[in-house]
Amino acid sequence: MLSSVVMGASLAISTVSLAAAADAEHGEVLFHACAACHNERADALGPDLKGVFERKSAAREDFRYSGPMMRANLIWDEANLKAYIADPQAKVKGNRMPYGGIASSSDVDDLVAYLKTLK
């Protein structure tokens, strides 16, 4: 009896974990809006985000960052990316990115999951 309860609880936990997993495919769809500024073109308004995960903020030599971003001294790990995507001005006050953020935490999770795939 106890083993069936434990098995049922394990199954419920793993089902919840799968349901809560970020969706990189949906993140890719969300990224299309970001790609208007974040692309590989030399005249892009934002830095290319390939390899952004675990990179130091303001680290690309081919982009002119704002002073606040250069002073931010962040590593773009999961927590910092989520906070920045949700509210860029709250995370790095005075940055130049003209974007208000994403209110949906699941969309933020999905977008971060996609950014992790960009190598």
Protein backbone atom coordinates (compact mmCIF):
# COMPACT_ATOMS: atom_id res chain seq x y z
CA MET A 1 0.00 0.00 0.00
CA LEU A 2 2.74 2.43 0.97
CA SER A 3 4.74 1.68 -2.18
CA SER A 4 1.73 2.48 -4.40
CA VAL A 5 1.32 5.81 -2.58
CA VAL A 6 5.01 6.62 -3.09
CA MET A 7 4.81 5.64 -6.77
CA GLY A 8 1.70 7.79 -7.23
CA ALA A 9 3.38 10.75 -5.58
CA SER A 10 6.48 10.30 -7.74
CA LEU A 11 4.38 10.19 -10.88
CA ALA A 12 2.50 13.34 -9.83
CA ILE A 13 5.74 15.20 -9.14
CA SER A 14 7.32 14.21 -12.45
CA THR A 15 4.14 15.21 -14.32
CA VAL A 16 4.16 18.63 -12.66
CA SER A 17 7.86 19.05 -13.48
CA LEU A 18 7.26 18.26 -17.14
CA ALA A 19 4.31 20.65 -17.30
CA ALA A 20 6.39 23.43 -15.74
CA ALA A 21 9.40 22.95 -18.05
CA ALA A 22 10.27 25.91 -20.23
CA ASP A 23 9.40 25.65 -23.91
CA ALA A 24 12.34 26.72 -26.10
CA GLU A 25 10.23 26.34 -29.26
CA HIS A 26 7.74 28.88 -27.92
CA GLY A 27 10.71 31.01 -26.87
CA GLU A 28 11.92 31.00 -30.47
CA VAL A 29 8.54 32.35 -31.58
CA LEU A 30 8.78 35.07 -28.92
CA PHE A 31 12.32 35.89 -30.04
CA HIS A 32 11.10 37.00 -33.46
CA ALA A 33 10.11 40.32 -31.87
CA CYS A 34 13.61 40.62 -30.33
CA ALA A 35 15.33 39.80 -33.61
CA ALA A 36 14.23 43.14 -35.06
CA CYS A 37 17.06 44.69 -33.00
CA HIS A 38 19.14 41.69 -31.89
CA ASN A 39 20.59 40.23 -35.07
CA GLU A 40 23.91 39.73 -36.85
CA ARG A 41 23.72 42.87 -39.02
CA ALA A 42 26.44 45.49 -38.49
CA ASP A 43 23.78 48.22 -38.15
CA ALA A 44 21.70 46.29 -35.59
CA LEU A 45 20.22 48.36 -32.78
CA GLY A 46 21.09 45.73 -30.18
CA PRO A 47 23.92 43.24 -29.77
CA ASP A 48 23.71 39.81 -31.36
CA LEU A 49 22.52 37.39 -28.68
CA LYS A 50 24.29 34.28 -29.95
CA GLY A 51 26.23 32.90 -27.01
CA VAL A 52 24.60 35.30 -24.55
CA PHE A 53 23.97 32.61 -21.91
CA GLU A 54 26.79 32.69 -19.31
CA ARG A 55 28.44 35.64 -21.10
CA LYS A 56 29.47 38.78 -19.21
CA SER A 57 27.27 41.80 -19.85
CA ALA A 58 28.59 44.37 -22.34
CA ALA A 59 31.22 41.86 -23.51
CA ARG A 60 30.82 42.01 -27.29
CA GLU A 61 33.50 44.17 -28.84
CA ASP A 62 31.39 44.77 -31.95
CA PHE A 63 28.66 46.69 -30.11
CA ARG A 64 28.62 50.08 -28.36
CA TYR A 65 26.89 49.52 -25.01
CA SER A 66 25.39 52.18 -22.76
CA GLY A 67 27.32 53.28 -19.68
CA PRO A 68 24.85 51.62 -17.31
CA MET A 69 25.18 48.30 -19.15
CA MET A 70 28.97 48.55 -19.13
CA ARG A 71 28.89 49.17 -15.37
CA ALA A 72 26.32 46.44 -14.67
CA ASN A 73 28.99 43.74 -14.42
CA LEU A 74 26.50 40.91 -14.80
CA ILE A 75 26.88 37.37 -16.01
CA TRP A 76 23.90 36.48 -18.16
CA ASP A 77 22.89 33.42 -16.20
CA GLU A 78 19.30 32.23 -15.97
CA ALA A 79 18.33 34.51 -13.06
CA ASN A 80 19.85 37.66 -14.57
CA LEU A 81 18.37 37.00 -18.01
CA LYS A 82 14.92 36.40 -16.53
CA ALA A 83 15.06 39.58 -14.45
CA TYR A 84 16.31 41.65 -17.40
CA ILE A 85 13.77 40.28 -19.87
CA ALA A 86 10.93 40.82 -17.40
CA ASP A 87 11.93 44.44 -16.68
CA PRO A 88 15.10 45.76 -18.33
CA GLN A 89 15.06 49.13 -16.57
CA ALA A 90 14.62 47.57 -13.13
CA LYS A 91 17.57 45.22 -13.70
CA VAL A 92 19.92 47.76 -15.35
CA LYS A 93 18.59 51.25 -14.64
CA GLY A 94 19.34 53.68 -17.47
CA ASN A 95 20.14 51.10 -20.17
CA ARG A 96 19.22 52.14 -23.72
CA MET A 97 17.05 49.20 -24.67
CA PRO A 98 13.65 50.66 -25.66
CA TYR A 99 11.68 47.69 -24.41
CA GLY A 100 9.30 47.48 -21.48
CA GLY A 101 9.76 43.79 -20.73
CA ILE A 102 7.59 40.69 -20.68
CA ALA A 103 4.95 40.39 -17.97
CA SER A 104 4.29 36.65 -18.35
CA SER A 105 6.76 34.62 -16.29
CA SER A 106 6.16 31.55 -18.46
CA ASP A 107 7.00 33.58 -21.58
CA VAL A 108 10.17 34.83 -19.87
CA ASP A 109 11.08 31.22 -19.00
CA ASP A 110 10.46 30.13 -22.60
CA LEU A 111 12.52 32.97 -24.04
CA VAL A 112 15.44 32.21 -21.71
CA ALA A 113 15.21 28.53 -22.68
CA TYR A 114 15.54 29.59 -26.32
CA LEU A 115 18.43 31.98 -25.63
CA LYS A 116 20.31 29.08 -24.05
CA THR A 117 20.18 27.29 -27.43
CA LEU A 118 21.87 30.15 -29.31
CA LYS A 119 25.51 29.20 -29.74
